[in-house]
Amino acid sequence: MSEFLGLIFPDQLGTLPTILLVCMSFFTSAVTAAVGLGGGVALIAVMAMLMPASALVPVHGVVQLGSNAGRALVQLKHVDWLIAFWFAIGAVFGAALGGSIVVELPAAVLKAGIGIFVLWVVWGRTPKLGKARKRAMAAAGFASTFLSMFFGAAGPIGAAVLATLNLPRHDFVANQAVTALIMHVFKIIAFGLLGFAFAPWAGLIVMMIASGFLGTVTGSYLLGRMEEKTFRTGFRWVMTALALNLLWQAGRNWTAS
């Protein structure tokens, strides 16, 4: 019995933190399914307060893989596989380069850079990508996968580029889910090759993926009842909140150093 409980509740966390993370997985997945993104960043922020730093990014990656897989499955008919193809090409190189870098990049620089980029895309003039609009997803795949190896949640980069394609809300959510899924797949492969042990966290991961899927179903129901204008307004303000939070964290890192 004790071995079973040890599998479900990791020794590094305990019972209450584990329950909190499972509940947060539900709510953050619901937010992501309803608005398109935001849940991954919110979830890693909570996980960072409860989990060892060495396990944070790898475990978050597996949980987000499950969450995005569920969202992609629910919205499968809206997926544009050409977008996924170009994103995957960039993601392969992003994971390979990120996994080959041993030194840790300055967190403040990464967070500030992502925050500024997201604000520019959301509130500035939409980039003119011409005929290469979908092929630009390769650059997004590279950048987001590379940065997620260090930062954990770099989904706003892919979402910001995806937003320039002016997709309907269901198409946007579906393609954001697939591209994020691809990003986490390659990131997990890279961490596995680097020797990270996922087994001690298996019970927590399974429970968080299960609760995340329930959140996805809930959020998808809300998405179906939402007007297009409401969705786009909500997306813009969620992106803005994420960007400002990243800039705030970057400022804290700089002042602490």
C-alpha atoms as a PDB file:
ATOM      1  CA  MET A   1       0.000   0.000   0.000  1.00  0.00           C
ATOM      2  CA  SER A   2       2.794   2.392   0.913  1.00  0.00           C
ATOM      3  CA  GLU A   3       4.513   1.673  -2.411  1.00  0.00           C
ATOM      4  CA  PHE A   4       1.277   2.482  -4.266  1.00  0.00           C
ATOM      5  CA  LEU A   5       0.863   5.765  -2.384  1.00  0.00           C
ATOM      6  CA  GLY A   6       4.509   6.560  -3.034  1.00  0.00           C
ATOM      7  CA  LEU A   7       3.872   6.169  -6.752  1.00  0.00           C
ATOM      8  CA  ILE A   8       0.874   8.511  -6.668  1.00  0.00           C
ATOM      9  CA  PHE A   9       2.321  11.047  -4.246  1.00  0.00           C
ATOM     10  CA  PRO A  10       6.028  11.690  -4.991  1.00  0.00           C
ATOM     11  CA  ASP A  11       8.270  11.818  -1.931  1.00  0.00           C
ATOM     12  CA  GLN A  12       9.600  15.195  -3.052  1.00  0.00           C
ATOM     13  CA  LEU A  13       6.126  16.758  -2.851  1.00  0.00           C
ATOM     14  CA  GLY A  14       3.764  15.138  -0.374  1.00  0.00           C
ATOM     15  CA  THR A  15      -0.019  14.799  -0.453  1.00  0.00           C
ATOM     16  CA  LEU A  16      -1.335  18.374  -0.381  1.00  0.00           C
ATOM     17  CA  PRO A  17       1.017  19.815  -3.030  1.00  0.00           C
ATOM     18  CA  THR A  18       0.205  16.860  -5.293  1.00  0.00           C
ATOM     19  CA  ILE A  19      -3.553  17.458  -4.952  1.00  0.00           C
ATOM     20  CA  LEU A  20      -3.039  21.176  -5.622  1.00  0.00           C
ATOM     21  CA  LEU A  21      -1.097  20.475  -8.823  1.00  0.00           C
ATOM     22  CA  VAL A  22      -3.758  18.037 -10.054  1.00  0.00           C
ATOM     23  CA  CYS A  23      -6.469  20.666  -9.483  1.00  0.00           C
ATOM     24  CA  MET A  24      -4.385  23.366 -11.174  1.00  0.00           C
ATOM     25  CA  SER A  25      -3.931  21.108 -14.194  1.00  0.00           C
ATOM     26  CA  PHE A  26      -7.721  21.027 -14.596  1.00  0.00           C
ATOM     27  CA  PHE A  27      -8.196  24.795 -14.367  1.00  0.00           C
ATOM     28  CA  THR A  28      -5.229  25.750 -16.544  1.00  0.00           C
ATOM     29  CA  SER A  29      -6.261  23.266 -19.248  1.00  0.00           C
ATOM     30  CA  ALA A  30      -9.773  24.715 -19.207  1.00  0.00           C
ATOM     31  CA  VAL A  31      -8.372  28.226 -19.689  1.00  0.00           C
ATOM     32  CA  THR A  32      -6.163  27.100 -22.563  1.00  0.00           C
ATOM     33  CA  ALA A  33      -9.011  25.273 -24.320  1.00  0.00           C
ATOM     34  CA  ALA A  34     -11.303  28.283 -23.996  1.00  0.00           C
ATOM     35  CA  VAL A  35      -8.873  31.052 -24.984  1.00  0.00           C
ATOM     36  CA  GLY A  36      -6.092  29.250 -26.852  1.00  0.00           C
ATOM     37  CA  LEU A  37      -3.206  29.562 -24.415  1.00  0.00           C
ATOM     38  CA  GLY A  38      -2.192  30.788 -20.965  1.00  0.00           C
ATOM     39  CA  GLY A  39      -2.594  27.588 -19.012  1.00  0.00           C
ATOM     40  CA  GLY A  40       0.937  26.309 -19.574  1.00  0.00           C
ATOM     41  CA  VAL A  41       2.556  29.463 -18.231  1.00  0.00           C
ATOM     42  CA  ALA A  42       0.181  29.608 -15.259  1.00  0.00           C
ATOM     43  CA  LEU A  43       0.776  25.939 -14.450  1.00  0.00           C
ATOM     44  CA  ILE A  44       4.569  26.157 -14.507  1.00  0.00           C
ATOM     45  CA  ALA A  45       4.388  29.211 -12.248  1.00  0.00           C
ATOM     46  CA  VAL A  46       2.564  27.133  -9.619  1.00  0.00           C
ATOM     47  CA  MET A  47       4.783  24.096 -10.169  1.00  0.00           C
ATOM     48  CA  ALA A  48       7.857  26.270  -9.645  1.00  0.00           C
ATOM     49  CA  MET A  49       6.702  27.016  -6.102  1.00  0.00           C
ATOM     50  CA  LEU A  50       6.214  23.349  -5.190  1.00  0.00           C
ATOM     51  CA  MET A  51       8.654  21.229  -7.198  1.00  0.00           C
ATOM     52  CA  PRO A  52      12.444  20.836  -7.307  1.00  0.00           C
ATOM     53  CA  ALA A  53      13.974  23.006 -10.021  1.00  0.00           C
ATOM     54  CA  SER A  54      15.687  20.025 -11.650  1.00  0.00           C
ATOM     55  CA  ALA A  55      12.341  18.289 -12.322  1.00  0.00           C
ATOM     56  CA  LEU A  56      10.265  21.354 -13.152  1.00  0.00           C
ATOM     57  CA  VAL A  57      10.719  21.704 -16.929  1.00  0.00           C
ATOM     58  CA  PRO A  58      10.777  17.972 -17.829  1.00  0.00           C
ATOM     59  CA  VAL A  59       7.665  17.098 -15.765  1.00  0.00           C
ATOM     60  CA  HIS A  60       5.835  20.194 -16.984  1.00  0.00           C
ATOM     61  CA  GLY A  61       6.671  19.160 -20.546  1.00  0.00           C
ATOM     62  CA  VAL A  62       5.081  15.712 -20.163  1.00  0.00           C
ATOM     63  CA  VAL A  63       1.972  17.120 -18.487  1.00  0.00           C
ATOM     64  CA  GLN A  64       1.589  19.731 -21.222  1.00  0.00           C
ATOM     65  CA  LEU A  65       2.088  17.060 -23.863  1.00  0.00           C
ATOM     66  CA  GLY A  66      -0.916  15.223 -22.448  1.00  0.00           C
ATOM     67  CA  SER A  67      -2.952  18.405 -22.135  1.00  0.00           C
ATOM     68  CA  ASN A  68      -2.247  19.526 -25.698  1.00  0.00           C
ATOM     69  CA  ALA A  69      -2.849  16.017 -27.057  1.00  0.00           C
ATOM     70  CA  GLY A  70      -6.300  16.036 -25.475  1.00  0.00           C
ATOM     71  CA  ARG A  71      -7.069  19.482 -26.864  1.00  0.00           C
ATOM     72  CA  ALA A  72      -5.848  18.521 -30.328  1.00  0.00           C
ATOM     73  CA  LEU A  73      -7.980  15.375 -30.226  1.00  0.00           C
ATOM     74  CA  VAL A  74     -11.111  17.306 -29.269  1.00  0.00           C
ATOM     75  CA  GLN A  75     -10.495  19.886 -32.036  1.00  0.00           C
ATOM     76  CA  LEU A  76      -8.893  17.489 -34.570  1.00  0.00           C
ATOM     77  CA  LYS A  77     -11.099  18.443 -37.542  1.00  0.00           C
ATOM     78  CA  HIS A  78      -9.848  22.041 -37.307  1.00  0.00           C
ATOM     79  CA  VAL A  79      -6.124  21.178 -37.556  1.00  0.00           C
ATOM     80  CA  ASP A  80      -4.148  22.485 -40.543  1.00  0.00           C
ATOM     81  CA  TRP A  81      -1.455  19.834 -41.029  1.00  0.00           C
ATOM     82  CA  LEU A  82       0.681  22.109 -43.212  1.00  0.00           C
ATOM     83  CA  ILE A  83       1.083  24.437 -40.224  1.00  0.00           C
ATOM     84  CA  ALA A  84       2.028  21.452 -38.055  1.00  0.00           C
ATOM     85  CA  PHE A  85       4.546  20.253 -40.674  1.00  0.00           C
ATOM     86  CA  TRP A  86       6.465  23.529 -40.845  1.00  0.00           C
ATOM     87  CA  PHE A  87       6.386  23.944 -37.064  1.00  0.00           C
ATOM     88  CA  ALA A  88       7.779  20.418 -36.590  1.00  0.00           C
ATOM     89  CA  ILE A  89      10.724  21.142 -38.883  1.00  0.00           C
ATOM     90  CA  GLY A  90      11.750  24.087 -36.737  1.00  0.00           C
ATOM     91  CA  ALA A  91      11.057  22.215 -33.497  1.00  0.00           C
ATOM     92  CA  VAL A  92      13.505  19.428 -34.376  1.00  0.00           C
ATOM     93  CA  PHE A  93      16.379  21.876 -34.691  1.00  0.00           C
ATOM     94  CA  GLY A  94      15.263  23.875 -31.641  1.00  0.00           C
ATOM     95  CA  ALA A  95      15.280  20.797 -29.405  1.00  0.00           C
ATOM     96  CA  ALA A  96      18.624  19.604 -30.790  1.00  0.00           C
ATOM     97  CA  LEU A  97      20.328  22.946 -30.211  1.00  0.00           C
ATOM     98  CA  GLY A  98      18.728  23.484 -26.808  1.00  0.00           C
ATOM     99  CA  GLY A  99      19.733  20.010 -25.659  1.00  0.00           C
ATOM    100  CA  SER A 100      23.326  20.552 -26.748  1.00  0.00           C
ATOM    101  CA  ILE A 101      23.825  23.699 -24.681  1.00  0.00           C
ATOM    102  CA  VAL A 102      25.108  22.865 -21.222  1.00  0.00           C
ATOM    103  CA  VAL A 103      25.250  26.350 -19.704  1.00  0.00           C
ATOM    104  CA  GLU A 104      22.021  27.835 -18.430  1.00  0.00           C
ATOM    105  CA  LEU A 105      20.912  30.919 -20.314  1.00  0.00           C
ATOM    106  CA  PRO A 106      20.003  34.007 -18.205  1.00  0.00           C
ATOM    107  CA  ALA A 107      16.350  33.614 -17.247  1.00  0.00           C
ATOM    108  CA  ALA A 108      15.815  37.383 -17.182  1.00  0.00           C
ATOM    109  CA  VAL A 109      16.941  37.757 -20.789  1.00  0.00           C
ATOM    110  CA  LEU A 110      14.712  34.914 -21.990  1.00  0.00           C
ATOM    111  CA  LYS A 111      11.632  36.179 -20.176  1.00  0.00           C
ATOM    112  CA  ALA A 112      12.099  39.798 -21.219  1.00  0.00           C
ATOM    113  CA  GLY A 113      12.675  38.807 -24.836  1.00  0.00           C
ATOM    114  CA  ILE A 114       9.533  36.667 -25.010  1.00  0.00           C
ATOM    115  CA  GLY A 115       7.467  39.318 -23.235  1.00  0.00           C
ATOM    116  CA  ILE A 116       8.526  42.097 -25.612  1.00  0.00           C
ATOM    117  CA  PHE A 117       7.984  39.907 -28.673  1.00  0.00           C
ATOM    118  CA  VAL A 118       4.458  38.954 -27.573  1.00  0.00           C
ATOM    119  CA  LEU A 119       3.484  42.570 -26.844  1.00  0.00           C
ATOM    120  CA  TRP A 120       4.819  43.650 -30.250  1.00  0.00           C
ATOM    121  CA  VAL A 121       2.794  41.025 -32.119  1.00  0.00           C
ATOM    122  CA  VAL A 122      -0.412  41.581 -30.105  1.00  0.00           C
ATOM    123  CA  TRP A 123      -0.451  45.401 -30.040  1.00  0.00           C
ATOM    124  CA  GLY A 124       1.896  46.410 -32.852  1.00  0.00           C
ATOM    125  CA  ARG A 125       1.490  46.168 -36.586  1.00  0.00           C
ATOM    126  CA  THR A 126       0.867  42.594 -37.722  1.00  0.00           C
ATOM    127  CA  PRO A 127       4.026  41.245 -39.407  1.00  0.00           C
ATOM    128  CA  LYS A 128       3.750  41.003 -43.194  1.00  0.00           C
ATOM    129  CA  LEU A 129       4.742  37.432 -43.939  1.00  0.00           C
ATOM    130  CA  GLY A 130       3.512  37.377 -47.543  1.00  0.00           C
ATOM    131  CA  LYS A 131       3.363  33.986 -49.193  1.00  0.00           C
ATOM    132  CA  ALA A 132       5.508  32.469 -46.432  1.00  0.00           C
ATOM    133  CA  ARG A 133       2.851  32.840 -43.730  1.00  0.00           C
ATOM    134  CA  LYS A 134       2.553  29.159 -42.854  1.00  0.00           C
ATOM    135  CA  ARG A 135       6.246  28.511 -43.484  1.00  0.00           C
ATOM    136  CA  ALA A 136       6.992  31.162 -40.851  1.00  0.00           C
ATOM    137  CA  MET A 137       5.775  28.565 -38.343  1.00  0.00           C
ATOM    138  CA  ALA A 138       9.136  26.816 -38.823  1.00  0.00           C
ATOM    139  CA  ALA A 139      10.856  29.784 -37.178  1.00  0.00           C
ATOM    140  CA  ALA A 140       8.240  29.736 -34.426  1.00  0.00           C
ATOM    141  CA  GLY A 141       8.829  26.010 -33.924  1.00  0.00           C
ATOM    142  CA  PHE A 142      12.568  26.512 -33.612  1.00  0.00           C
ATOM    143  CA  ALA A 143      12.372  29.475 -31.223  1.00  0.00           C
ATOM    144  CA  SER A 144       9.646  28.132 -28.947  1.00  0.00           C
ATOM    145  CA  THR A 145      11.130  24.623 -28.653  1.00  0.00           C
ATOM    146  CA  PHE A 146      14.650  25.949 -28.076  1.00  0.00           C
ATOM    147  CA  LEU A 147      13.526  28.383 -25.376  1.00  0.00           C
ATOM    148  CA  SER A 148      11.184  25.865 -23.733  1.00  0.00           C
ATOM    149  CA  MET A 149      14.210  23.663 -22.976  1.00  0.00           C
ATOM    150  CA  PHE A 150      15.315  26.335 -20.502  1.00  0.00           C
ATOM    151  CA  PHE A 151      12.181  28.293 -19.651  1.00  0.00           C
ATOM    152  CA  GLY A 152       9.562  25.531 -19.750  1.00  0.00           C
ATOM    153  CA  ALA A 153       6.627  27.488 -21.207  1.00  0.00           C
ATOM    154  CA  ALA A 154       7.446  29.289 -24.453  1.00  0.00           C
ATOM    155  CA  GLY A 155       4.069  28.655 -26.076  1.00  0.00           C
ATOM    156  CA  PRO A 156       3.272  32.390 -26.457  1.00  0.00           C
ATOM    157  CA  ILE A 157       5.911  32.597 -29.210  1.00  0.00           C
ATOM    158  CA  GLY A 158       4.183  30.027 -31.404  1.00  0.00           C
ATOM    159  CA  ALA A 159       0.778  31.443 -30.517  1.00  0.00           C
ATOM    160  CA  ALA A 160       1.860  34.971 -31.434  1.00  0.00           C
ATOM    161  CA  VAL A 161       3.039  33.889 -34.894  1.00  0.00           C
ATOM    162  CA  LEU A 162      -0.035  31.683 -35.313  1.00  0.00           C
ATOM    163  CA  ALA A 163      -2.233  34.684 -34.521  1.00  0.00           C
ATOM    164  CA  THR A 164      -0.917  36.470 -37.634  1.00  0.00           C
ATOM    165  CA  LEU A 165      -2.674  33.859 -39.800  1.00  0.00           C
ATOM    166  CA  ASN A 166      -6.090  35.228 -38.744  1.00  0.00           C
ATOM    167  CA  LEU A 167      -7.584  31.788 -38.130  1.00  0.00           C
ATOM    168  CA  PRO A 168     -11.139  31.335 -36.764  1.00  0.00           C
ATOM    169  CA  ARG A 169     -11.207  30.589 -33.032  1.00  0.00           C
ATOM    170  CA  HIS A 170     -11.640  26.811 -33.353  1.00  0.00           C
ATOM    171  CA  ASP A 171      -8.871  26.609 -35.961  1.00  0.00           C
ATOM    172  CA  PHE A 172      -6.560  28.711 -33.815  1.00  0.00           C
ATOM    173  CA  VAL A 173      -7.095  26.594 -30.679  1.00  0.00           C
ATOM    174  CA  ALA A 174      -6.667  23.354 -32.633  1.00  0.00           C
ATOM    175  CA  ASN A 175      -3.459  24.425 -34.382  1.00  0.00           C
ATOM    176  CA  GLN A 176      -2.015  25.975 -31.239  1.00  0.00           C
ATOM    177  CA  ALA A 177      -2.621  22.644 -29.486  1.00  0.00           C
ATOM    178  CA  VAL A 178      -0.918  20.631 -32.232  1.00  0.00           C
ATOM    179  CA  THR A 179       2.099  22.929 -32.463  1.00  0.00           C
ATOM    180  CA  ALA A 180       2.495  22.964 -28.678  1.00  0.00           C
ATOM    181  CA  LEU A 181       2.179  19.169 -28.681  1.00  0.00           C
ATOM    182  CA  ILE A 182       4.997  18.917 -31.229  1.00  0.00           C
ATOM    183  CA  MET A 183       7.154  21.269 -29.170  1.00  0.00           C
ATOM    184  CA  HIS A 184       6.758  19.174 -26.019  1.00  0.00           C
ATOM    185  CA  VAL A 185       7.341  15.874 -27.843  1.00  0.00           C
ATOM    186  CA  PHE A 186      10.765  16.939 -29.056  1.00  0.00           C
ATOM    187  CA  LYS A 187      11.589  18.568 -25.725  1.00  0.00           C
ATOM    188  CA  ILE A 188      10.773  15.375 -23.814  1.00  0.00           C
ATOM    189  CA  ILE A 189      12.881  13.310 -26.217  1.00  0.00           C
ATOM    190  CA  ALA A 190      15.781  15.682 -25.623  1.00  0.00           C
ATOM    191  CA  PHE A 191      15.454  15.463 -21.827  1.00  0.00           C
ATOM    192  CA  GLY A 192      15.225  11.681 -22.053  1.00  0.00           C
ATOM    193  CA  LEU A 193      18.448  11.555 -24.050  1.00  0.00           C
ATOM    194  CA  LEU A 194      20.043  13.824 -21.445  1.00  0.00           C
ATOM    195  CA  GLY A 195      19.198  11.204 -18.799  1.00  0.00           C
ATOM    196  CA  PHE A 196      16.307  12.713 -16.840  1.00  0.00           C
ATOM    197  CA  ALA A 197      14.420  10.059 -14.809  1.00  0.00           C
ATOM    198  CA  PHE A 198      10.671  10.465 -15.406  1.00  0.00           C
ATOM    199  CA  ALA A 199       9.640   7.296 -13.487  1.00  0.00           C
ATOM    200  CA  PRO A 200       9.535   8.830  -9.957  1.00  0.00           C
ATOM    201  CA  TRP A 201       7.056  11.394 -11.216  1.00  0.00           C
ATOM    202  CA  ALA A 202       4.873   9.000 -13.232  1.00  0.00           C
ATOM    203  CA  GLY A 203       1.928   8.949 -10.815  1.00  0.00           C
ATOM    204  CA  LEU A 204       1.731  12.732 -10.592  1.00  0.00           C
ATOM    205  CA  ILE A 205       2.054  13.051 -14.361  1.00  0.00           C
ATOM    206  CA  VAL A 206      -0.786  10.581 -15.032  1.00  0.00           C
ATOM    207  CA  MET A 207      -3.139  12.322 -12.588  1.00  0.00           C
ATOM    208  CA  MET A 208      -2.336  15.781 -13.951  1.00  0.00           C
ATOM    209  CA  ILE A 209      -2.886  14.618 -17.547  1.00  0.00           C
ATOM    210  CA  ALA A 210      -6.238  13.036 -16.592  1.00  0.00           C
ATOM    211  CA  SER A 211      -7.473  16.140 -14.773  1.00  0.00           C
ATOM    212  CA  GLY A 212      -6.124  18.273 -17.605  1.00  0.00           C
ATOM    213  CA  PHE A 213      -8.217  16.367 -20.131  1.00  0.00           C
ATOM    214  CA  LEU A 214     -11.344  17.019 -18.068  1.00  0.00           C
ATOM    215  CA  GLY A 215     -10.375  20.688 -18.066  1.00  0.00           C
ATOM    216  CA  THR A 216      -9.940  20.578 -21.837  1.00  0.00           C
ATOM    217  CA  VAL A 217     -13.455  19.193 -22.314  1.00  0.00           C
ATOM    218  CA  THR A 218     -14.843  21.941 -20.067  1.00  0.00           C
ATOM    219  CA  GLY A 219     -12.912  24.697 -21.837  1.00  0.00           C
ATOM    220  CA  SER A 220     -13.869  23.384 -25.279  1.00  0.00           C
ATOM    221  CA  TYR A 221     -17.538  23.598 -24.296  1.00  0.00           C
ATOM    222  CA  LEU A 222     -17.020  27.253 -23.345  1.00  0.00           C
ATOM    223  CA  LEU A 223     -15.174  27.876 -26.628  1.00  0.00           C
ATOM    224  CA  GLY A 224     -18.137  26.553 -28.623  1.00  0.00           C
ATOM    225  CA  ARG A 225     -20.479  29.013 -26.889  1.00  0.00           C
ATOM    226  CA  MET A 226     -18.153  32.003 -27.316  1.00  0.00           C
ATOM    227  CA  GLU A 227     -18.517  34.639 -30.035  1.00  0.00           C
ATOM    228  CA  GLU A 228     -15.561  35.235 -32.376  1.00  0.00           C
ATOM    229  CA  LYS A 229     -15.097  38.826 -31.188  1.00  0.00           C
ATOM    230  CA  THR A 230     -15.178  37.757 -27.544  1.00  0.00           C
ATOM    231  CA  PHE A 231     -12.582  35.069 -28.226  1.00  0.00           C
ATOM    232  CA  ARG A 232     -10.198  37.474 -29.973  1.00  0.00           C
ATOM    233  CA  THR A 233     -10.554  40.059 -27.214  1.00  0.00           C
ATOM    234  CA  GLY A 234      -9.946  37.437 -24.539  1.00  0.00           C
ATOM    235  CA  PHE A 235      -6.941  36.071 -26.426  1.00  0.00           C
ATOM    236  CA  ARG A 236      -5.364  39.516 -26.747  1.00  0.00           C
ATOM    237  CA  TRP A 237      -5.714  40.309 -23.051  1.00  0.00           C
ATOM    238  CA  VAL A 238      -4.486  36.885 -21.929  1.00  0.00           C
ATOM    239  CA  MET A 239      -1.427  37.335 -24.159  1.00  0.00           C
ATOM    240  CA  THR A 240      -0.866  40.799 -22.708  1.00  0.00           C
ATOM    241  CA  ALA A 241      -1.136  39.534 -19.126  1.00  0.00           C
ATOM    242  CA  LEU A 242       1.352  36.749 -19.869  1.00  0.00           C
ATOM    243  CA  ALA A 243       3.799  39.179 -21.476  1.00  0.00           C
ATOM    244  CA  LEU A 244       3.605  41.662 -18.592  1.00  0.00           C
ATOM    245  CA  ASN A 245       4.080  38.831 -16.099  1.00  0.00           C
ATOM    246  CA  LEU A 246       7.206  37.709 -17.980  1.00  0.00           C
ATOM    247  CA  LEU A 247       8.597  41.257 -17.943  1.00  0.00           C
ATOM    248  CA  TRP A 248       7.854  41.543 -14.217  1.00  0.00           C
ATOM    249  CA  GLN A 249       9.673  38.269 -13.540  1.00  0.00           C
ATOM    250  CA  ALA A 250      12.594  39.426 -15.679  1.00  0.00           C
ATOM    251  CA  GLY A 251      12.815  42.627 -13.625  1.00  0.00           C
ATOM    252  CA  ARG A 252      12.836  40.630 -10.395  1.00  0.00           C
ATOM    253  CA  ASN A 253      15.619  38.403 -11.709  1.00  0.00           C
ATOM    254  CA  TRP A 254      17.710  41.387 -12.711  1.00  0.00           C
ATOM    255  CA  THR A 255      17.286  43.163  -9.363  1.00  0.00           C
ATOM    256  CA  ALA A 256      18.048  39.956  -7.451  1.00  0.00           C
ATOM    257  CA  SER A 257      21.290  39.345  -9.346  1.00  0.00           C
END
